[in-house]
PDB file of N, CA and C in Angstrom:
ATOM      1  N   MET A   1      -7.759  83.166 -87.838  1.00  0.00           N
ATOM      2  CA  MET A   1      -8.862  82.234 -87.796  1.00  0.00           C
ATOM      3  C   MET A   1      -9.068  81.557 -89.155  1.00  0.00           C
ATOM      4  N   LEU A   2      -8.832  82.284 -90.236  1.00  0.00           N
ATOM      5  CA  LEU A   2      -8.993  81.681 -91.557  1.00  0.00           C
ATOM      6  C   LEU A   2      -7.956  80.595 -91.802  1.00  0.00           C
ATOM      7  N   GLU A   3      -6.748  80.768 -91.281  1.00  0.00           N
ATOM      8  CA  GLU A   3      -5.737  79.722 -91.430  1.00  0.00           C
ATOM      9  C   GLU A   3      -6.178  78.455 -90.706  1.00  0.00           C
ATOM     10  N   THR A   4      -6.803  78.615 -89.558  1.00  0.00           N
ATOM     11  CA  THR A   4      -7.304  77.468 -88.817  1.00  0.00           C
ATOM     12  C   THR A   4      -8.403  76.763 -89.609  1.00  0.00           C
ATOM     13  N   TRP A   5      -9.265  77.531 -90.245  1.00  0.00           N
ATOM     14  CA  TRP A   5     -10.329  76.951 -91.073  1.00  0.00           C
ATOM     15  C   TRP A   5      -9.741  76.196 -92.260  1.00  0.00           C
ATOM     16  N   ASP A   6      -8.753  76.783 -92.922  1.00  0.00           N
ATOM     17  CA  ASP A   6      -8.102  76.110 -94.048  1.00  0.00           C
ATOM     18  C   ASP A   6      -7.454  74.802 -93.603  1.00  0.00           C
ATOM     19  N   TRP A   7      -6.797  74.841 -92.437  1.00  0.00           N
ATOM     20  CA  TRP A   7      -6.155  73.632 -91.929  1.00  0.00           C
ATOM     21  C   TRP A   7      -7.214  72.561 -91.647  1.00  0.00           C
ATOM     22  N   TYR A   8      -8.311  72.973 -91.022  1.00  0.00           N
ATOM     23  CA  TYR A   8      -9.390  72.043 -90.683  1.00  0.00           C
ATOM     24  C   TYR A   8      -9.947  71.386 -91.946  1.00  0.00           C
ATOM     25  N   MET A   9     -10.249  72.183 -92.949  1.00  0.00           N
ATOM     26  CA  MET A   9     -10.814  71.639 -94.192  1.00  0.00           C
ATOM     27  C   MET A   9      -9.825  70.697 -94.871  1.00  0.00           C
ATOM     28  N   ASP A  10      -8.553  71.067 -94.871  1.00  0.00           N
ATOM     29  CA  ASP A  10      -7.536  70.214 -95.486  1.00  0.00           C
ATOM     30  C   ASP A  10      -7.380  68.916 -94.702  1.00  0.00           C
ATOM     31  N   ARG A  11      -7.376  69.008 -93.412  1.00  0.00           N
ATOM     32  CA  ARG A  11      -7.136  67.855 -92.540  1.00  0.00           C
ATOM     33  C   ARG A  11      -8.261  66.831 -92.603  1.00  0.00           C
ATOM     34  N   PHE A  12      -9.489  67.288 -92.711  1.00  0.00           N
ATOM     35  CA  PHE A  12     -10.609  66.373 -92.623  1.00  0.00           C
ATOM     36  C   PHE A  12     -11.327  66.082 -93.939  1.00  0.00           C
ATOM     37  N   PHE A  13     -11.135  66.905 -94.971  1.00  0.00           N
ATOM     38  CA  PHE A  13     -11.866  66.685 -96.216  1.00  0.00           C
ATOM     39  C   PHE A  13     -10.971  66.672 -97.454  1.00  0.00           C
ATOM     40  N   ASP A  14     -10.179  67.725 -97.630  1.00  0.00           N
ATOM     41  CA  ASP A  14      -9.415  67.881 -98.868  1.00  0.00           C
ATOM     42  C   ASP A  14      -8.416  66.745 -99.090  1.00  0.00           C
ATOM     43  N   TYR A  15      -7.868  66.198 -98.008  1.00  0.00           N
ATOM     44  CA  TYR A  15      -6.858  65.154 -98.168  1.00  0.00           C
ATOM     45  C   TYR A  15      -7.426  63.927 -98.865  1.00  0.00           C
ATOM     46  N   LYS A  16      -8.720  63.619 -98.646  1.00  0.00           N
ATOM     47  CA  LYS A  16      -9.327  62.452 -99.293  1.00  0.00           C
ATOM     48  C   LYS A  16      -9.341  62.617-100.810  1.00  0.00           C
ATOM     49  N   VAL A  17      -9.697  63.808-101.256  1.00  0.00           N
ATOM     50  CA  VAL A  17      -9.745  64.084-102.695  1.00  0.00           C
ATOM     51  C   VAL A  17      -8.337  64.085-103.269  1.00  0.00           C
ATOM     52  N   ARG A  18      -7.398  64.743-102.587  1.00  0.00           N
ATOM     53  CA  ARG A  18      -6.013  64.802-103.057  1.00  0.00           C
ATOM     54  C   ARG A  18      -5.396  63.401-103.126  1.00  0.00           C
ATOM     55  N   ASP A  19      -5.618  62.578-102.086  1.00  0.00           N
ATOM     56  CA  ASP A  19      -5.083  61.213-102.083  1.00  0.00           C
ATOM     57  C   ASP A  19      -5.668  60.367-103.207  1.00  0.00           C
ATOM     58  N   TYR A  20      -6.966  60.536-103.449  1.00  0.00           N
ATOM     59  CA  TYR A  20      -7.588  59.770-104.536  1.00  0.00           C
ATOM     60  C   TYR A  20      -6.993  60.175-105.886  1.00  0.00           C
ATOM     61  N   LEU A  21      -6.842  61.476-106.119  1.00  0.00           N
ATOM     62  CA  LEU A  21      -6.277  61.929-107.395  1.00  0.00           C
ATOM     63  C   LEU A  21      -4.816  61.495-107.537  1.00  0.00           C
ATOM     64  N   GLU A  22      -4.071  61.477-106.439  1.00  0.00           N
ATOM     65  CA  GLU A  22      -2.688  60.998-106.495  1.00  0.00           C
ATOM     66  C   GLU A  22      -2.637  59.509-106.805  1.00  0.00           C
ATOM     67  N   SER A  23      -3.622  58.760-106.357  1.00  0.00           N
ATOM     68  CA  SER A  23      -3.647  57.324-106.630  1.00  0.00           C
ATOM     69  C   SER A  23      -4.010  57.029-108.085  1.00  0.00           C
ATOM     70  N   ARG A  24      -4.557  58.003-108.796  1.00  0.00           N
ATOM     71  CA  ARG A  24      -4.950  57.823-110.187  1.00  0.00           C
ATOM     72  C   ARG A  24      -3.854  58.247-111.165  1.00  0.00           C
ATOM     73  N   VAL A  25      -2.611  58.227-110.733  1.00  0.00           N
ATOM     74  CA  VAL A  25      -1.481  58.564-111.599  1.00  0.00           C
ATOM     75  C   VAL A  25      -0.929  57.268-112.181  1.00  0.00           C
ATOM     76  N   GLU A  26      -0.860  57.213-113.509  1.00  0.00           N
ATOM     77  CA  GLU A  26      -0.300  56.040-114.178  1.00  0.00           C
ATOM     78  C   GLU A  26       1.215  56.129-114.141  1.00  0.00           C
ATOM     79  N   LYS A  27       1.845  55.027-113.827  1.00  0.00           N
ATOM     80  CA  LYS A  27       3.303  54.992-113.781  1.00  0.00           C
ATOM     81  C   LYS A  27       3.864  54.995-115.202  1.00  0.00           C
ATOM     82  N   GLY A  28       5.149  55.288-115.324  1.00  0.00           N
ATOM     83  CA  GLY A  28       5.796  55.377-116.624  1.00  0.00           C
ATOM     84  C   GLY A  28       5.982  54.019-117.281  1.00  0.00           C
ATOM     85  N   GLY A  29       6.454  54.052-118.510  1.00  0.00           N
ATOM     86  CA  GLY A  29       6.657  52.836-119.287  1.00  0.00           C
ATOM     87  C   GLY A  29       8.044  52.263-119.115  1.00  0.00           C
ATOM     88  N   ASN A  30       8.474  51.470-120.076  1.00  0.00           N
ATOM     89  CA  ASN A  30       9.762  50.796-120.024  1.00  0.00           C
ATOM     90  C   ASN A  30      10.945  51.728-120.237  1.00  0.00           C
ATOM     91  N   PHE A  31      10.735  52.849-120.900  1.00  0.00           N
ATOM     92  CA  PHE A  31      11.846  53.709-121.279  1.00  0.00           C
ATOM     93  C   PHE A  31      12.049  54.884-120.338  1.00  0.00           C
ATOM     94  N   GLY A  32      11.476  54.843-119.206  1.00  0.00           N
ATOM     95  CA  GLY A  32      11.685  55.904-118.239  1.00  0.00           C
ATOM     96  C   GLY A  32      10.435  56.196-117.434  1.00  0.00           C
ATOM     97  N   PRO A  33      10.646  56.689-116.242  1.00  0.00           N
ATOM     98  CA  PRO A  33       9.501  56.992-115.386  1.00  0.00           C
ATOM     99  C   PRO A  33       8.854  58.323-115.734  1.00  0.00           C
ATOM    100  N   VAL A  34       7.853  58.278-116.581  1.00  0.00           N
ATOM    101  CA  VAL A  34       7.121  59.495-116.934  1.00  0.00           C
ATOM    102  C   VAL A  34       5.680  59.312-116.457  1.00  0.00           C
ATOM    103  N   PRO A  35       5.412  59.680-115.208  1.00  0.00           N
ATOM    104  CA  PRO A  35       4.055  59.493-114.705  1.00  0.00           C
ATOM    105  C   PRO A  35       3.057  60.414-115.403  1.00  0.00           C
ATOM    106  N   ARG A  36       1.829  59.918-115.551  1.00  0.00           N
ATOM    107  CA  ARG A  36       0.785  60.683-116.220  1.00  0.00           C
ATOM    108  C   ARG A  36      -0.467  60.639-115.361  1.00  0.00           C
ATOM    109  N   ALA A  37      -0.960  61.819-115.004  1.00  0.00           N
ATOM    110  CA  ALA A  37      -2.179  61.905-114.196  1.00  0.00           C
ATOM    111  C   ALA A  37      -3.400  61.696-115.082  1.00  0.00           C
ATOM    112  N   VAL A  38      -4.304  60.857-114.632  1.00  0.00           N
ATOM    113  CA  VAL A  38      -5.534  60.565-115.367  1.00  0.00           C
ATOM    114  C   VAL A  38      -6.651  61.438-114.796  1.00  0.00           C
ATOM    115  N   PRO A  39      -7.279  62.284-115.627  1.00  0.00           N
ATOM    116  CA  PRO A  39      -8.368  63.138-115.125  1.00  0.00           C
ATOM    117  C   PRO A  39      -9.545  62.317-114.609  1.00  0.00           C
ATOM    118  N   GLN A  40     -10.152  62.792-113.533  1.00  0.00           N
ATOM    119  CA  GLN A  40     -11.282  62.109-112.910  1.00  0.00           C
ATOM    120  C   GLN A  40     -12.478  63.049-112.838  1.00  0.00           C
ATOM    121  N   SER A  41     -13.655  62.495-113.016  1.00  0.00           N
ATOM    122  CA  SER A  41     -14.881  63.300-112.933  1.00  0.00           C
ATOM    123  C   SER A  41     -15.285  63.492-111.473  1.00  0.00           C
ATOM    124  N   ILE A  42     -16.147  64.460-111.239  1.00  0.00           N
ATOM    125  CA  ILE A  42     -16.626  64.724-109.883  1.00  0.00           C
ATOM    126  C   ILE A  42     -17.389  63.519-109.348  1.00  0.00           C
ATOM    127  N   SER A  43     -18.166  62.867-110.200  1.00  0.00           N
ATOM    128  CA  SER A  43     -18.934  61.700-109.733  1.00  0.00           C
ATOM    129  C   SER A  43     -18.021  60.539-109.342  1.00  0.00           C
ATOM    130  N   SER A  44     -16.936  60.318-110.074  1.00  0.00           N
ATOM    131  CA  SER A  44     -16.020  59.230-109.705  1.00  0.00           C
ATOM    132  C   SER A  44     -15.277  59.555-108.417  1.00  0.00           C
ATOM    133  N   ILE A  45     -14.900  60.820-108.234  1.00  0.00           N
ATOM    134  CA  ILE A  45     -14.231  61.235-106.994  1.00  0.00           C
ATOM    135  C   ILE A  45     -15.209  61.096-105.830  1.00  0.00           C
ATOM    136  N   SER A  46     -16.445  61.494-106.058  1.00  0.00           N
ATOM    137  CA  SER A  46     -17.469  61.421-105.017  1.00  0.00           C
ATOM    138  C   SER A  46     -17.712  59.988-104.562  1.00  0.00           C
ATOM    139  N   SER A  47     -17.852  59.076-105.506  1.00  0.00           N
ATOM    140  CA  SER A  47     -18.123  57.692-105.133  1.00  0.00           C
ATOM    141  C   SER A  47     -16.900  57.039-104.477  1.00  0.00           C
ATOM    142  N   ALA A  48     -15.708  57.410-104.896  1.00  0.00           N
ATOM    143  CA  ALA A  48     -14.494  56.816-104.326  1.00  0.00           C
ATOM    144  C   ALA A  48     -14.205  57.320-102.913  1.00  0.00           C
ATOM    145  N   THR A  49     -14.527  58.568-102.648  1.00  0.00           N
ATOM    146  CA  THR A  49     -14.236  59.147-101.336  1.00  0.00           C
ATOM    147  C   THR A  49     -15.404  59.034-100.360  1.00  0.00           C
ATOM    148  N   GLY A  50     -16.596  58.760-100.873  1.00  0.00           N
ATOM    149  CA  GLY A  50     -17.766  58.666-100.017  1.00  0.00           C
ATOM    150  C   GLY A  50     -18.334  60.021 -99.619  1.00  0.00           C
ATOM    151  N   MET A  51     -17.957  61.053-100.344  1.00  0.00           N
ATOM    152  CA  MET A  51     -18.462  62.395-100.051  1.00  0.00           C
ATOM    153  C   MET A  51     -19.484  62.791-101.103  1.00  0.00           C
ATOM    154  N   LYS A  52     -20.346  63.726-100.742  1.00  0.00           N
ATOM    155  CA  LYS A  52     -21.344  64.214-101.685  1.00  0.00           C
ATOM    156  C   LYS A  52     -20.658  65.076-102.748  1.00  0.00           C
ATOM    157  N   PRO A  53     -21.223  65.117-103.968  1.00  0.00           N
ATOM    158  CA  PRO A  53     -20.614  65.901-105.050  1.00  0.00           C
ATOM    159  C   PRO A  53     -20.400  67.376-104.696  1.00  0.00           C
ATOM    160  N   ARG A  54     -21.301  67.946-103.939  1.00  0.00           N
ATOM    161  CA  ARG A  54     -21.139  69.353-103.559  1.00  0.00           C
ATOM    162  C   ARG A  54     -19.909  69.550-102.667  1.00  0.00           C
ATOM    163  N   ARG A  55     -19.683  68.633-101.738  1.00  0.00           N
ATOM    164  CA  ARG A  55     -18.506  68.706-100.868  1.00  0.00           C
ATOM    165  C   ARG A  55     -17.237  68.496-101.692  1.00  0.00           C
ATOM    166  N   VAL A  56     -17.279  67.555-102.641  1.00  0.00           N
ATOM    167  CA  VAL A  56     -16.134  67.306-103.515  1.00  0.00           C
ATOM    168  C   VAL A  56     -15.797  68.558-104.313  1.00  0.00           C
ATOM    169  N   MET A  57     -16.802  69.231-104.825  1.00  0.00           N
ATOM    170  CA  MET A  57     -16.575  70.460-105.598  1.00  0.00           C
ATOM    171  C   MET A  57     -15.888  71.522-104.739  1.00  0.00           C
ATOM    172  N   GLY A  58     -16.290  71.648-103.494  1.00  0.00           N
ATOM    173  CA  GLY A  58     -15.633  72.590-102.592  1.00  0.00           C
ATOM    174  C   GLY A  58     -14.176  72.228-102.363  1.00  0.00           C
ATOM    175  N   CYS A  59     -13.910  70.948-102.185  1.00  0.00           N
ATOM    176  CA  CYS A  59     -12.525  70.483-102.012  1.00  0.00           C
ATOM    177  C   CYS A  59     -11.697  70.778-103.262  1.00  0.00           C
ATOM    178  N   LEU A  60     -12.279  70.514-104.426  1.00  0.00           N
ATOM    179  CA  LEU A  60     -11.568  70.756-105.677  1.00  0.00           C
ATOM    180  C   LEU A  60     -11.233  72.233-105.847  1.00  0.00           C
ATOM    181  N   LYS A  61     -12.156  73.099-105.485  1.00  0.00           N
ATOM    182  CA  LYS A  61     -11.901  74.541-105.595  1.00  0.00           C
ATOM    183  C   LYS A  61     -10.765  74.967-104.673  1.00  0.00           C
ATOM    184  N   ARG A  62     -10.763  74.455-103.429  1.00  0.00           N
ATOM    185  CA  ARG A  62      -9.695  74.807-102.494  1.00  0.00           C
ATOM    186  C   ARG A  62      -8.350  74.269-102.965  1.00  0.00           C
ATOM    187  N   LEU A  63      -8.329  73.023-103.446  1.00  0.00           N
ATOM    188  CA  LEU A  63      -7.077  72.437-103.921  1.00  0.00           C
ATOM    189  C   LEU A  63      -6.571  73.146-105.178  1.00  0.00           C
ATOM    190  N   ALA A  64      -7.475  73.582-106.038  1.00  0.00           N
ATOM    191  CA  ALA A  64      -7.077  74.322-107.240  1.00  0.00           C
ATOM    192  C   ALA A  64      -6.508  75.685-106.858  1.00  0.00           C
ATOM    193  N   LYS A  65      -7.071  76.304-105.849  1.00  0.00           N
ATOM    194  CA  LYS A  65      -6.573  77.602-105.390  1.00  0.00           C
ATOM    195  C   LYS A  65      -5.141  77.458-104.851  1.00  0.00           C
ATOM    196  N   LYS A  66      -4.835  76.289-104.253  1.00  0.00           N
ATOM    197  CA  LYS A  66      -3.483  76.013-103.746  1.00  0.00           C
ATOM    198  C   LYS A  66      -2.560  75.514-104.852  1.00  0.00           C
ATOM    199  N   LYS A  67      -3.100  75.363-106.062  1.00  0.00           N
ATOM    200  CA  LYS A  67      -2.372  74.885-107.241  1.00  0.00           C
ATOM    201  C   LYS A  67      -1.856  73.458-107.073  1.00  0.00           C
ATOM    202  N   GLN A  68      -2.602  72.642-106.341  1.00  0.00           N
ATOM    203  CA  GLN A  68      -2.253  71.239-106.187  1.00  0.00           C
ATOM    204  C   GLN A  68      -2.917  70.371-107.246  1.00  0.00           C
ATOM    205  N   ILE A  69      -4.028  70.860-107.808  1.00  0.00           N
ATOM    206  CA  ILE A  69      -4.733  70.136-108.864  1.00  0.00           C
ATOM    207  C   ILE A  69      -5.088  71.111-109.976  1.00  0.00           C
ATOM    208  N   VAL A  70      -5.421  70.559-111.139  1.00  0.00           N
ATOM    209  CA  VAL A  70      -5.847  71.382-112.270  1.00  0.00           C
ATOM    210  C   VAL A  70      -7.089  70.759-112.894  1.00  0.00           C
ATOM    211  N   GLN A  71      -7.896  71.615-113.506  1.00  0.00           N
ATOM    212  CA  GLN A  71      -9.089  71.146-114.208  1.00  0.00           C
ATOM    213  C   GLN A  71      -8.767  71.036-115.686  1.00  0.00           C
ATOM    214  N   THR A  72      -9.159  69.915-116.277  1.00  0.00           N
ATOM    215  CA  THR A  72      -8.986  69.713-117.716  1.00  0.00           C
ATOM    216  C   THR A  72     -10.372  69.682-118.354  1.00  0.00           C
ATOM    217  N   SER A  73     -10.407  69.467-119.644  1.00  0.00           N
ATOM    218  CA  SER A  73     -11.702  69.410-120.331  1.00  0.00           C
ATOM    219  C   SER A  73     -12.505  68.166-119.943  1.00  0.00           C
ATOM    220  N   VAL A  74     -11.824  67.142-119.426  1.00  0.00           N
ATOM    221  CA  VAL A  74     -12.512  65.902-119.070  1.00  0.00           C
ATOM    222  C   VAL A  74     -12.699  65.709-117.571  1.00  0.00           C
ATOM    223  N   GLY A  75     -11.987  66.439-116.756  1.00  0.00           N
ATOM    224  CA  GLY A  75     -12.115  66.263-115.310  1.00  0.00           C
ATOM    225  C   GLY A  75     -10.998  66.968-114.555  1.00  0.00           C
ATOM    226  N   TRP A  76     -10.689  66.439-113.389  1.00  0.00           N
ATOM    227  CA  TRP A  76      -9.685  67.024-112.506  1.00  0.00           C
ATOM    228  C   TRP A  76      -8.527  66.057-112.353  1.00  0.00           C
ATOM    229  N   LYS A  77      -7.305  66.602-112.213  1.00  0.00           N
ATOM    230  CA  LYS A  77      -6.142  65.760-112.012  1.00  0.00           C
ATOM    231  C   LYS A  77      -5.099  66.485-111.171  1.00  0.00           C
ATOM    232  N   ILE A  78      -4.139  65.715-110.659  1.00  0.00           N
ATOM    233  CA  ILE A  78      -3.045  66.269-109.870  1.00  0.00           C
ATOM    234  C   ILE A  78      -2.208  67.166-110.775  1.00  0.00           C
ATOM    235  N   ALA A  79      -1.763  68.292-110.243  1.00  0.00           N
ATOM    236  CA  ALA A  79      -1.016  69.273-111.057  1.00  0.00           C
ATOM    237  C   ALA A  79       0.353  68.754-111.456  1.00  0.00           C
ATOM    238  N   ASN A  80       1.099  68.198-110.527  1.00  0.00           N
ATOM    239  CA  ASN A  80       2.460  67.703-110.803  1.00  0.00           C
ATOM    240  C   ASN A  80       2.574  66.261-110.375  1.00  0.00           C
ATOM    241  N   PRO A  81       2.277  65.322-111.253  1.00  0.00           N
ATOM    242  CA  PRO A  81       2.287  63.912-110.847  1.00  0.00           C
ATOM    243  C   PRO A  81       3.679  63.405-110.496  1.00  0.00           C
ATOM    244  N   ALA A  82       4.734  64.032-111.000  1.00  0.00           N
ATOM    245  CA  ALA A  82       6.081  63.580-110.701  1.00  0.00           C
ATOM    246  C   ALA A  82       6.528  64.001-109.324  1.00  0.00           C
ATOM    247  N   ALA A  83       5.909  65.039-108.774  1.00  0.00           N
ATOM    248  CA  ALA A  83       6.343  65.560-107.468  1.00  0.00           C
ATOM    249  C   ALA A  83       5.871  64.694-106.327  1.00  0.00           C
TER     250      ALA A  83
END
């Protein structure tokens, strides 16, 4: 039953946060493709996804537990932008 709950949360909520963070990856420069993830604050993620900050925080915790995102001193970003 917990796997079903995880799937449900990922399918209907977490994907919005993950997609937004993936869209905030800067592409590489002229000398090679070295993508760089730009950290985002909870308020910017909330306004971009249309979800309340509390719901965004829950999504971030679940995605961090799956090691898909990481928290930095300035915000949250995708763990492996090249992948």
